[in-house]
Amino acid sequence: RHHPDLPVTVFSPYPIPRGLDADHVEYHSALHPLQQKVDVLRK
């Protein structure tokens, strides 16, 4: 609503819902989600 053109990337093992304007990086990890968070910061 406020930034229609700002680049956005979503890291997730799940496909993101249709209609969400963002890039999707398919991300799978055996780490705990709270550990994954720090990992994706580096990516």
ModelCIF file with pLDDT and N, C-alpha, C, O atoms, coordinates in Angstrom:
data_MODEL
#
_entry.id   MODEL 
#
_entity.id                         1 
_entity.type                       polymer 
_entity.pdbx_number_of_molecules   1 
#
_entity_poly.entity_id                      1 
_entity_poly.type                           'polypeptide(L)' 
_entity_poly.nstd_linkage                   no 
_entity_poly.nstd_monomer                   no 
_entity_poly.pdbx_seq_one_letter_code       RHHPDLPVTVFSPYPIPRGLDADHVEYHSALHPLQQKVDVLRK 
_entity_poly.pdbx_seq_one_letter_code_can   RHHPDLPVTVFSPYPIPRGLDADHVEYHSALHPLQQKVDVLRK 
_entity_poly.pdbx_strand_id                 A 
#
loop_
_entity_poly_seq.entity_id 
_entity_poly_seq.num 
_entity_poly_seq.mon_id 
_entity_poly_seq.hetero 
1 1  ARG n 
1 2  HIS n 
1 3  HIS n 
1 4  PRO n 
1 5  ASP n 
1 6  LEU n 
1 7  PRO n 
1 8  VAL n 
1 9  THR n 
1 10 VAL n 
1 11 PHE n 
1 12 SER n 
1 13 PRO n 
1 14 TYR n 
1 15 PRO n 
1 16 ILE n 
1 17 PRO n 
1 18 ARG n 
1 19 GLY n 
1 20 LEU n 
1 21 ASP n 
1 22 ALA n 
1 23 ASP n 
1 24 HIS n 
1 25 VAL n 
1 26 GLU n 
1 27 TYR n 
1 28 HIS n 
1 29 SER n 
1 30 ALA n 
1 31 LEU n 
1 32 HIS n 
1 33 PRO n 
1 34 LEU n 
1 35 GLN n 
1 36 GLN n 
1 37 LYS n 
1 38 VAL n 
1 39 ASP n 
1 40 VAL n 
1 41 LEU n 
1 42 ARG n 
1 43 LYS n 
#
_struct_asym.id          A 
_struct_asym.entity_id   1 
#
loop_
_ma_qa_metric.id 
_ma_qa_metric.mode 
_ma_qa_metric.name 
_ma_qa_metric.software_group_id 
_ma_qa_metric.type 
1 global pLDDT . pLDDT 
2 local  pLDDT . pLDDT 
#
_ma_qa_metric_global.metric_id      1 
_ma_qa_metric_global.metric_value   96.30 
_ma_qa_metric_global.model_id       1 
_ma_qa_metric_global.ordinal_id     1 
#
loop_
_ma_qa_metric_local.label_asym_id 
_ma_qa_metric_local.label_comp_id 
_ma_qa_metric_local.label_seq_id 
_ma_qa_metric_local.metric_id 
_ma_qa_metric_local.metric_value 
_ma_qa_metric_local.model_id 
_ma_qa_metric_local.ordinal_id 
A ARG 1  2 96.00 1 1  
A HIS 2  2 97.00 1 2  
A HIS 3  2 97.00 1 3  
A PRO 4  2 96.00 1 4  
A ASP 5  2 96.00 1 5  
A LEU 6  2 97.00 1 6  
A PRO 7  2 97.00 1 7  
A VAL 8  2 98.00 1 8  
A THR 9  2 98.00 1 9  
A VAL 10 2 98.00 1 10 
A PHE 11 2 98.00 1 11 
A SER 12 2 98.00 1 12 
A PRO 13 2 97.00 1 13 
A TYR 14 2 96.00 1 14 
A PRO 15 2 95.00 1 15 
A ILE 16 2 94.00 1 16 
A PRO 17 2 91.00 1 17 
A ARG 18 2 90.00 1 18 
A GLY 19 2 89.00 1 19 
A LEU 20 2 93.00 1 20 
A ASP 21 2 94.00 1 21 
A ALA 22 2 97.00 1 22 
A ASP 23 2 97.00 1 23 
A HIS 24 2 97.00 1 24 
A VAL 25 2 97.00 1 25 
A GLU 26 2 97.00 1 26 
A TYR 27 2 97.00 1 27 
A HIS 28 2 97.00 1 28 
A SER 29 2 96.00 1 29 
A ALA 30 2 96.00 1 30 
A LEU 31 2 97.00 1 31 
A HIS 32 2 97.00 1 32 
A PRO 33 2 96.00 1 33 
A LEU 34 2 96.00 1 34 
A GLN 35 2 98.00 1 35 
A GLN 36 2 98.00 1 36 
A LYS 37 2 97.00 1 37 
A VAL 38 2 98.00 1 38 
A ASP 39 2 98.00 1 39 
A VAL 40 2 98.00 1 40 
A LEU 41 2 98.00 1 41 
A ARG 42 2 97.00 1 42 
A LYS 43 2 97.00 1 43 
#
loop_
_atom_site.group_PDB 
_atom_site.id 
_atom_site.type_symbol 
_atom_site.label_atom_id 
_atom_site.label_alt_id 
_atom_site.label_comp_id 
_atom_site.label_asym_id 
_atom_site.label_entity_id 
_atom_site.label_seq_id 
_atom_site.pdbx_PDB_ins_code 
_atom_site.Cartn_x 
_atom_site.Cartn_y 
_atom_site.Cartn_z 
_atom_site.occupancy 
_atom_site.B_iso_or_equiv 
_atom_site.pdbx_formal_charge 
_atom_site.auth_seq_id 
_atom_site.auth_comp_id 
_atom_site.auth_asym_id 
_atom_site.auth_atom_id 
_atom_site.pdbx_PDB_model_num 
ATOM 1   N N  . ARG A 1 1  ? 0.828  -1.212  0.000  1.00 96.00 ? 1  ARG A N  1 
ATOM 2   C CA . ARG A 1 1  ? 0.000  0.000   0.000  1.00 96.00 ? 1  ARG A CA 1 
ATOM 3   C C  . ARG A 1 1  ? 0.855  1.252   0.000  1.00 96.00 ? 1  ARG A C  1 
ATOM 4   O O  . ARG A 1 1  ? 0.474  2.270   -0.578 1.00 96.00 ? 1  ARG A O  1 
ATOM 5   N N  . HIS A 1 2  ? 1.998  1.182   0.639  1.00 97.00 ? 2  HIS A N  1 
ATOM 6   C CA . HIS A 1 2  ? 2.847  2.363   0.798  1.00 97.00 ? 2  HIS A CA 1 
ATOM 7   C C  . HIS A 1 2  ? 4.062  2.352   -0.132 1.00 97.00 ? 2  HIS A C  1 
ATOM 8   O O  . HIS A 1 2  ? 4.583  3.411   -0.483 1.00 97.00 ? 2  HIS A O  1 
ATOM 9   N N  . HIS A 1 3  ? 4.515  1.159   -0.532 1.00 97.00 ? 3  HIS A N  1 
ATOM 10  C CA . HIS A 1 3  ? 5.706  1.047   -1.373 1.00 97.00 ? 3  HIS A CA 1 
ATOM 11  C C  . HIS A 1 3  ? 5.475  -0.009  -2.452 1.00 97.00 ? 3  HIS A C  1 
ATOM 12  O O  . HIS A 1 3  ? 5.982  -1.126  -2.346 1.00 97.00 ? 3  HIS A O  1 
ATOM 13  N N  . PRO A 1 4  ? 4.716  0.338   -3.483 1.00 96.00 ? 4  PRO A N  1 
ATOM 14  C CA . PRO A 1 4  ? 4.366  -0.666  -4.494 1.00 96.00 ? 4  PRO A CA 1 
ATOM 15  C C  . PRO A 1 4  ? 5.547  -1.168  -5.312 1.00 96.00 ? 4  PRO A C  1 
ATOM 16  O O  . PRO A 1 4  ? 5.460  -2.239  -5.912 1.00 96.00 ? 4  PRO A O  1 
ATOM 17  N N  . ASP A 1 5  ? 6.649  -0.422  -5.353 1.00 96.00 ? 5  ASP A N  1 
ATOM 18  C CA . ASP A 1 5  ? 7.767  -0.798  -6.222 1.00 96.00 ? 5  ASP A CA 1 
ATOM 19  C C  . ASP A 1 5  ? 9.005  -1.278  -5.467 1.00 96.00 ? 5  ASP A C  1 
ATOM 20  O O  . ASP A 1 5  ? 10.021 -1.579  -6.093 1.00 96.00 ? 5  ASP A O  1 
ATOM 21  N N  . LEU A 1 6  ? 8.944  -1.356  -4.157 1.00 97.00 ? 6  LEU A N  1 
ATOM 22  C CA . LEU A 1 6  ? 10.121 -1.760  -3.380 1.00 97.00 ? 6  LEU A CA 1 
ATOM 23  C C  . LEU A 1 6  ? 10.373 -3.259  -3.568 1.00 97.00 ? 6  LEU A C  1 
ATOM 24  O O  . LEU A 1 6  ? 9.452  -4.056  -3.389 1.00 97.00 ? 6  LEU A O  1 
ATOM 25  N N  . PRO A 1 7  ? 11.590 -3.659  -3.923 1.00 97.00 ? 7  PRO A N  1 
ATOM 26  C CA . PRO A 1 7  ? 11.872 -5.089  -4.071 1.00 97.00 ? 7  PRO A CA 1 
ATOM 27  C C  . PRO A 1 7  ? 11.665 -5.848  -2.755 1.00 97.00 ? 7  PRO A C  1 
ATOM 28  O O  . PRO A 1 7  ? 12.083 -5.391  -1.692 1.00 97.00 ? 7  PRO A O  1 
ATOM 29  N N  . VAL A 1 8  ? 11.023 -6.997  -2.844 1.00 98.00 ? 8  VAL A N  1 
ATOM 30  C CA . VAL A 1 8  ? 10.759 -7.851  -1.681 1.00 98.00 ? 8  VAL A CA 1 
ATOM 31  C C  . VAL A 1 8  ? 11.073 -9.286  -2.058 1.00 98.00 ? 8  VAL A C  1 
ATOM 32  O O  . VAL A 1 8  ? 10.690 -9.746  -3.133 1.00 98.00 ? 8  VAL A O  1 
ATOM 33  N N  . THR A 1 9  ? 11.766 -9.996  -1.181 1.00 98.00 ? 9  THR A N  1 
ATOM 34  C CA . THR A 1 9  ? 12.086 -11.405 -1.374 1.00 98.00 ? 9  THR A CA 1 
ATOM 35  C C  . THR A 1 9  ? 11.606 -12.200 -0.163 1.00 98.00 ? 9  THR A C  1 
ATOM 36  O O  . THR A 1 9  ? 11.861 -11.825 0.981  1.00 98.00 ? 9  THR A O  1 
ATOM 37  N N  . VAL A 1 10 ? 10.913 -13.294 -0.429 1.00 98.00 ? 10 VAL A N  1 
ATOM 38  C CA . VAL A 1 10 ? 10.419 -14.176 0.624  1.00 98.00 ? 10 VAL A CA 1 
ATOM 39  C C  . VAL A 1 10 ? 11.179 -15.495 0.548  1.00 98.00 ? 10 VAL A C  1 
ATOM 40  O O  . VAL A 1 10 ? 11.178 -16.157 -0.490 1.00 98.00 ? 10 VAL A O  1 
ATOM 41  N N  . PHE A 1 11 ? 11.820 -15.875 1.636  1.00 98.00 ? 11 PHE A N  1 
ATOM 42  C CA . PHE A 1 11 ? 12.476 -17.177 1.754  1.00 98.00 ? 11 PHE A CA 1 
ATOM 43  C C  . PHE A 1 11 ? 11.497 -18.136 2.418  1.00 98.00 ? 11 PHE A C  1 
ATOM 44  O O  . PHE A 1 11 ? 11.032 -17.871 3.527  1.00 98.00 ? 11 PHE A O  1 
ATOM 45  N N  . SER A 1 12 ? 11.180 -19.233 1.764  1.00 98.00 ? 12 SER A N  1 
ATOM 46  C CA . SER A 1 12 ? 10.206 -20.164 2.329  1.00 98.00 ? 12 SER A CA 1 
ATOM 47  C C  . SER A 1 12 ? 10.216 -21.478 1.569  1.00 98.00 ? 12 SER A C  1 
ATOM 48  O O  . SER A 1 12 ? 10.475 -21.486 0.365  1.00 98.00 ? 12 SER A O  1 
ATOM 49  N N  . PRO A 1 13 ? 9.939  -22.596 2.242  1.00 97.00 ? 13 PRO A N  1 
ATOM 50  C CA . PRO A 1 13 ? 9.759  -23.850 1.519  1.00 97.00 ? 13 PRO A CA 1 
ATOM 51  C C  . PRO A 1 13 ? 8.408  -23.914 0.822  1.00 97.00 ? 13 PRO A C  1 
ATOM 52  O O  . PRO A 1 13 ? 8.191  -24.762 -0.044 1.00 97.00 ? 13 PRO A O  1 
ATOM 53  N N  . TYR A 1 14 ? 7.485  -23.005 1.203  1.00 96.00 ? 14 TYR A N  1 
ATOM 54  C CA . TYR A 1 14 ? 6.135  -23.015 0.643  1.00 96.00 ? 14 TYR A CA 1 
ATOM 55  C C  . TYR A 1 14 ? 6.023  -22.007 -0.501 1.00 96.00 ? 14 TYR A C  1 
ATOM 56  O O  . TYR A 1 14 ? 6.614  -20.930 -0.430 1.00 96.00 ? 14 TYR A O  1 
ATOM 57  N N  . PRO A 1 15 ? 5.279  -22.337 -1.544 1.00 95.00 ? 15 PRO A N  1 
ATOM 58  C CA . PRO A 1 15 ? 4.968  -21.320 -2.553 1.00 95.00 ? 15 PRO A CA 1 
ATOM 59  C C  . PRO A 1 15 ? 4.184  -20.187 -1.894 1.00 95.00 ? 15 PRO A C  1 
ATOM 60  O O  . PRO A 1 15 ? 3.325  -20.439 -1.048 1.00 95.00 ? 15 PRO A O  1 
ATOM 61  N N  . ILE A 1 16 ? 4.468  -18.960 -2.268 1.00 94.00 ? 16 ILE A N  1 
ATOM 62  C CA . ILE A 1 16 ? 3.723  -17.851 -1.674 1.00 94.00 ? 16 ILE A CA 1 
ATOM 63  C C  . ILE A 1 16 ? 2.386  -17.709 -2.386 1.00 94.00 ? 16 ILE A C  1 
ATOM 64  O O  . ILE A 1 16 ? 2.277  -18.013 -3.574 1.00 94.00 ? 16 ILE A O  1 
ATOM 65  N N  . PRO A 1 17 ? 1.365  -17.248 -1.664 1.00 91.00 ? 17 PRO A N  1 
ATOM 66  C CA . PRO A 1 17 ? 0.020  -17.163 -2.258 1.00 91.00 ? 17 PRO A CA 1 
ATOM 67  C C  . PRO A 1 17 ? -0.010 -16.272 -3.490 1.00 91.00 ? 17 PRO A C  1 
ATOM 68  O O  . PRO A 1 17 ? 0.750  -15.309 -3.593 1.00 91.00 ? 17 PRO A O  1 
ATOM 69  N N  . ARG A 1 18 ? -0.888 -16.601 -4.414 1.00 90.00 ? 18 ARG A N  1 
ATOM 70  C CA . ARG A 1 18 ? -1.064 -15.781 -5.606 1.00 90.00 ? 18 ARG A CA 1 
ATOM 71  C C  . ARG A 1 18 ? -1.520 -14.380 -5.203 1.00 90.00 ? 18 ARG A C  1 
ATOM 72  O O  . ARG A 1 18 ? -2.261 -14.192 -4.238 1.00 90.00 ? 18 ARG A O  1 
ATOM 73  N N  . GLY A 1 19 ? -1.056 -13.424 -5.970 1.00 89.00 ? 19 GLY A N  1 
ATOM 74  C CA . GLY A 1 19 ? -1.454 -12.048 -5.704 1.00 89.00 ? 19 GLY A CA 1 
ATOM 75  C C  . GLY A 1 19 ? -0.502 -11.301 -4.800 1.00 89.00 ? 19 GLY A C  1 
ATOM 76  O O  . GLY A 1 19 ? -0.611 -10.082 -4.669 1.00 89.00 ? 19 GLY A O  1 
ATOM 77  N N  . LEU A 1 20 ? 0.451  -12.014 -4.155 1.00 93.00 ? 20 LEU A N  1 
ATOM 78  C CA . LEU A 1 20 ? 1.447  -11.328 -3.328 1.00 93.00 ? 20 LEU A CA 1 
ATOM 79  C C  . LEU A 1 20 ? 2.613  -10.923 -4.220 1.00 93.00 ? 20 LEU A C  1 
ATOM 80  O O  . LEU A 1 20 ? 3.260  -11.772 -4.833 1.00 93.00 ? 20 LEU A O  1 
ATOM 81  N N  . ASP A 1 21 ? 2.873  -9.643  -4.286 1.00 94.00 ? 21 ASP A N  1 
ATOM 82  C CA . ASP A 1 21 ? 3.875  -9.097  -5.189 1.00 94.00 ? 21 ASP A CA 1 
ATOM 83  C C  . ASP A 1 21 ? 5.246  -9.174  -4.541 1.00 94.00 ? 21 ASP A C  1 
ATOM 84  O O  . ASP A 1 21 ? 5.711  -8.216  -3.923 1.00 94.00 ? 21 ASP A O  1 
ATOM 85  N N  . ALA A 1 22 ? 5.890  -10.330 -4.690 1.00 97.00 ? 22 ALA A N  1 
ATOM 86  C CA . ALA A 1 22 ? 7.216  -10.532 -4.102 1.00 97.00 ? 22 ALA A CA 1 
ATOM 87  C C  . ALA A 1 22 ? 7.921  -11.653 -4.849 1.00 97.00 ? 22 ALA A C  1 
ATOM 88  O O  . ALA A 1 22 ? 7.276  -12.512 -5.450 1.00 97.00 ? 22 ALA A O  1 
ATOM 89  N N  . ASP A 1 23 ? 9.238  -11.638 -4.806 1.00 97.00 ? 23 ASP A N  1 
ATOM 90  C CA . ASP A 1 23 ? 10.028 -12.749 -5.316 1.00 97.00 ? 23 ASP A CA 1 
ATOM 91  C C  . ASP A 1 23 ? 10.064 -13.844 -4.266 1.00 97.00 ? 23 ASP A C  1 
ATOM 92  O O  . ASP A 1 23 ? 10.051 -13.568 -3.067 1.00 97.00 ? 23 ASP A O  1 
ATOM 93  N N  . HIS A 1 24 ? 10.109 -15.085 -4.723 1.00 97.00 ? 24 HIS A N  1 
ATOM 94  C CA . HIS A 1 24 ? 10.147 -16.224 -3.815 1.00 97.00 ? 24 HIS A CA 1 
ATOM 95  C C  . HIS A 1 24 ? 11.442 -16.994 -4.032 1.00 97.00 ? 24 HIS A C  1 
ATOM 96  O O  . HIS A 1 24 ? 11.759 -17.407 -5.148 1.00 97.00 ? 24 HIS A O  1 
ATOM 97  N N  . VAL A 1 25 ? 12.188 -17.178 -2.938 1.00 97.00 ? 25 VAL A N  1 
ATOM 98  C CA . VAL A 1 25 ? 13.353 -18.054 -2.958 1.00 97.00 ? 25 VAL A CA 1 
ATOM 99  C C  . VAL A 1 25 ? 12.965 -19.330 -2.230 1.00 97.00 ? 25 VAL A C  1 
ATOM 100 O O  . VAL A 1 25 ? 12.649 -19.299 -1.041 1.00 97.00 ? 25 VAL A O  1 
ATOM 101 N N  . GLU A 1 26 ? 12.989 -20.451 -2.939 1.00 97.00 ? 26 GLU A N  1 
ATOM 102 C CA . GLU A 1 26 ? 12.644 -21.726 -2.309 1.00 97.00 ? 26 GLU A CA 1 
ATOM 103 C C  . GLU A 1 26 ? 13.753 -22.096 -1.332 1.00 97.00 ? 26 GLU A C  1 
ATOM 104 O O  . GLU A 1 26 ? 14.897 -22.334 -1.719 1.00 97.00 ? 26 GLU A O  1 
ATOM 105 N N  . TYR A 1 27 ? 13.385 -22.136 -0.070 1.00 97.00 ? 27 TYR A N  1 
ATOM 106 C CA . TYR A 1 27 ? 14.387 -22.298 0.992  1.00 97.00 ? 27 TYR A CA 1 
ATOM 107 C C  . TYR A 1 27 ? 13.972 -23.456 1.887  1.00 97.00 ? 27 TYR A C  1 
ATOM 108 O O  . TYR A 1 27 ? 12.925 -23.416 2.533  1.00 97.00 ? 27 TYR A O  1 
ATOM 109 N N  . HIS A 1 28 ? 14.804 -24.484 1.915  1.00 97.00 ? 28 HIS A N  1 
ATOM 110 C CA . HIS A 1 28 ? 14.562 -25.655 2.763  1.00 97.00 ? 28 HIS A CA 1 
ATOM 111 C C  . HIS A 1 28 ? 15.723 -25.790 3.734  1.00 97.00 ? 28 HIS A C  1 
ATOM 112 O O  . HIS A 1 28 ? 16.879 -25.624 3.346  1.00 97.00 ? 28 HIS A O  1 
ATOM 113 N N  . SER A 1 29 ? 15.432 -26.084 4.973  1.00 96.00 ? 29 SER A N  1 
ATOM 114 C CA . SER A 1 29 ? 16.483 -26.217 5.973  1.00 96.00 ? 29 SER A CA 1 
ATOM 115 C C  . SER A 1 29 ? 15.989 -27.116 7.097  1.00 96.00 ? 29 SER A C  1 
ATOM 116 O O  . SER A 1 29 ? 14.820 -27.074 7.483  1.00 96.00 ? 29 SER A O  1 
ATOM 117 N N  . ALA A 1 30 ? 16.903 -27.931 7.613  1.00 96.00 ? 30 ALA A N  1 
ATOM 118 C CA . ALA A 1 30 ? 16.585 -28.780 8.758  1.00 96.00 ? 30 ALA A CA 1 
ATOM 119 C C  . ALA A 1 30 ? 16.763 -28.035 10.081 1.00 96.00 ? 30 ALA A C  1 
ATOM 120 O O  . ALA A 1 30 ? 16.477 -28.579 11.148 1.00 96.00 ? 30 ALA A O  1 
ATOM 121 N N  . LEU A 1 31 ? 17.236 -26.794 10.008 1.00 97.00 ? 31 LEU A N  1 
ATOM 122 C CA . LEU A 1 31 ? 17.450 -26.017 11.220 1.00 97.00 ? 31 LEU A CA 1 
ATOM 123 C C  . LEU A 1 31 ? 16.127 -25.613 11.853 1.00 97.00 ? 31 LEU A C  1 
ATOM 124 O O  . LEU A 1 31 ? 15.094 -25.579 11.184 1.00 97.00 ? 31 LEU A O  1 
ATOM 125 N N  . HIS A 1 32 ? 16.163 -25.308 13.139 1.00 97.00 ? 32 HIS A N  1 
ATOM 126 C CA . HIS A 1 32 ? 15.019 -24.718 13.831 1.00 97.00 ? 32 HIS A CA 1 
ATOM 127 C C  . HIS A 1 32 ? 14.683 -23.393 13.149 1.00 97.00 ? 32 HIS A C  1 
ATOM 128 O O  . HIS A 1 32 ? 15.597 -22.682 12.732 1.00 97.00 ? 32 HIS A O  1 
ATOM 129 N N  . PRO A 1 33 ? 13.383 -23.031 13.019 1.00 96.00 ? 33 PRO A N  1 
ATOM 130 C CA . PRO A 1 33 ? 13.040 -21.766 12.367 1.00 96.00 ? 33 PRO A CA 1 
ATOM 131 C C  . PRO A 1 33 ? 13.758 -20.547 12.942 1.00 96.00 ? 33 PRO A C  1 
ATOM 132 O O  . PRO A 1 33 ? 14.058 -19.611 12.201 1.00 96.00 ? 33 PRO A O  1 
ATOM 133 N N  . LEU A 1 34 ? 14.038 -20.538 14.244 1.00 96.00 ? 34 LEU A N  1 
ATOM 134 C CA . LEU A 1 34 ? 14.724 -19.399 14.847 1.00 96.00 ? 34 LEU A CA 1 
ATOM 135 C C  . LEU A 1 34 ? 16.209 -19.390 14.497 1.00 96.00 ? 34 LEU A C  1 
ATOM 136 O O  . LEU A 1 34 ? 16.869 -18.359 14.624 1.00 96.00 ? 34 LEU A O  1 
ATOM 137 N N  . GLN A 1 35 ? 16.737 -20.530 14.057 1.00 98.00 ? 35 GLN A N  1 
ATOM 138 C CA . GLN A 1 35 ? 18.096 -20.578 13.511 1.00 98.00 ? 35 GLN A CA 1 
ATOM 139 C C  . GLN A 1 35 ? 18.084 -20.224 12.021 1.00 98.00 ? 35 GLN A C  1 
ATOM 140 O O  . GLN A 1 35 ? 18.996 -19.573 11.512 1.00 98.00 ? 35 GLN A O  1 
ATOM 141 N N  . GLN A 1 36 ? 17.034 -20.668 11.341 1.00 98.00 ? 36 GLN A N  1 
ATOM 142 C CA . GLN A 1 36 ? 16.908 -20.329 9.920  1.00 98.00 ? 36 GLN A CA 1 
ATOM 143 C C  . GLN A 1 36 ? 16.896 -18.816 9.704  1.00 98.00 ? 36 GLN A C  1 
ATOM 144 O O  . GLN A 1 36 ? 17.433 -18.314 8.716  1.00 98.00 ? 36 GLN A O  1 
ATOM 145 N N  . LYS A 1 37 ? 16.281 -18.105 10.632 1.00 97.00 ? 37 LYS A N  1 
ATOM 146 C CA . LYS A 1 37 ? 16.187 -16.652 10.495 1.00 97.00 ? 37 LYS A CA 1 
ATOM 147 C C  . LYS A 1 37 ? 17.561 -16.022 10.299 1.00 97.00 ? 37 LYS A C  1 
ATOM 148 O O  . LYS A 1 37 ? 17.745 -15.181 9.419  1.00 97.00 ? 37 LYS A O  1 
ATOM 149 N N  . VAL A 1 38 ? 18.519 -16.427 11.118 1.00 98.00 ? 38 VAL A N  1 
ATOM 150 C CA . VAL A 1 38 ? 19.855 -15.841 11.005 1.00 98.00 ? 38 VAL A CA 1 
ATOM 151 C C  . VAL A 1 38 ? 20.514 -16.300 9.711  1.00 98.00 ? 38 VAL A C  1 
ATOM 152 O O  . VAL A 1 38 ? 21.280 -15.550 9.104  1.00 98.00 ? 38 VAL A O  1 
ATOM 153 N N  . ASP A 1 39 ? 20.225 -17.514 9.289  1.00 98.00 ? 39 ASP A N  1 
ATOM 154 C CA . ASP A 1 39 ? 20.788 -18.014 8.040  1.00 98.00 ? 39 ASP A CA 1 
ATOM 155 C C  . ASP A 1 39 ? 20.329 -17.171 6.854  1.00 98.00 ? 39 ASP A C  1 
ATOM 156 O O  . ASP A 1 39 ? 21.150 -16.795 6.017  1.00 98.00 ? 39 ASP A O  1 
ATOM 157 N N  . VAL A 1 40 ? 19.029 -16.865 6.765  1.00 98.00 ? 40 VAL A N  1 
ATOM 158 C CA . VAL A 1 40 ? 18.557 -16.132 5.580  1.00 98.00 ? 40 VAL A CA 1 
ATOM 159 C C  . VAL A 1 40 ? 19.047 -14.692 5.573  1.00 98.00 ? 40 VAL A C  1 
ATOM 160 O O  . VAL A 1 40 ? 19.139 -14.085 4.506  1.00 98.00 ? 40 VAL A O  1 
ATOM 161 N N  . LEU A 1 41 ? 19.362 -14.132 6.730  1.00 98.00 ? 41 LEU A N  1 
ATOM 162 C CA . LEU A 1 41 ? 19.948 -12.788 6.729  1.00 98.00 ? 41 LEU A CA 1 
ATOM 163 C C  . LEU A 1 41 ? 21.230 -12.781 5.900  1.00 98.00 ? 41 LEU A C  1 
ATOM 164 O O  . LEU A 1 41 ? 21.532 -11.808 5.209  1.00 98.00 ? 41 LEU A O  1 
ATOM 165 N N  . ARG A 1 42 ? 21.978 -13.881 5.980  1.00 97.00 ? 42 ARG A N  1 
ATOM 166 C CA . ARG A 1 42 ? 23.242 -13.981 5.242  1.00 97.00 ? 42 ARG A CA 1 
ATOM 167 C C  . ARG A 1 42 ? 23.028 -14.223 3.751  1.00 97.00 ? 42 ARG A C  1 
ATOM 168 O O  . ARG A 1 42 ? 23.966 -14.094 2.964  1.00 97.00 ? 42 ARG A O  1 
ATOM 169 N N  . LYS A 1 43 ? 21.813 -14.571 3.358  1.00 97.00 ? 43 LYS A N  1 
ATOM 170 C CA . LYS A 1 43 ? 21.520 -14.900 1.969  1.00 97.00 ? 43 LYS A CA 1 
ATOM 171 C C  . LYS A 1 43 ? 20.779 -13.781 1.240  1.00 97.00 ? 43 LYS A C  1 
ATOM 172 O O  . LYS A 1 43 ? 20.465 -13.917 0.058  1.00 97.00 ? 43 LYS A O  1 
#
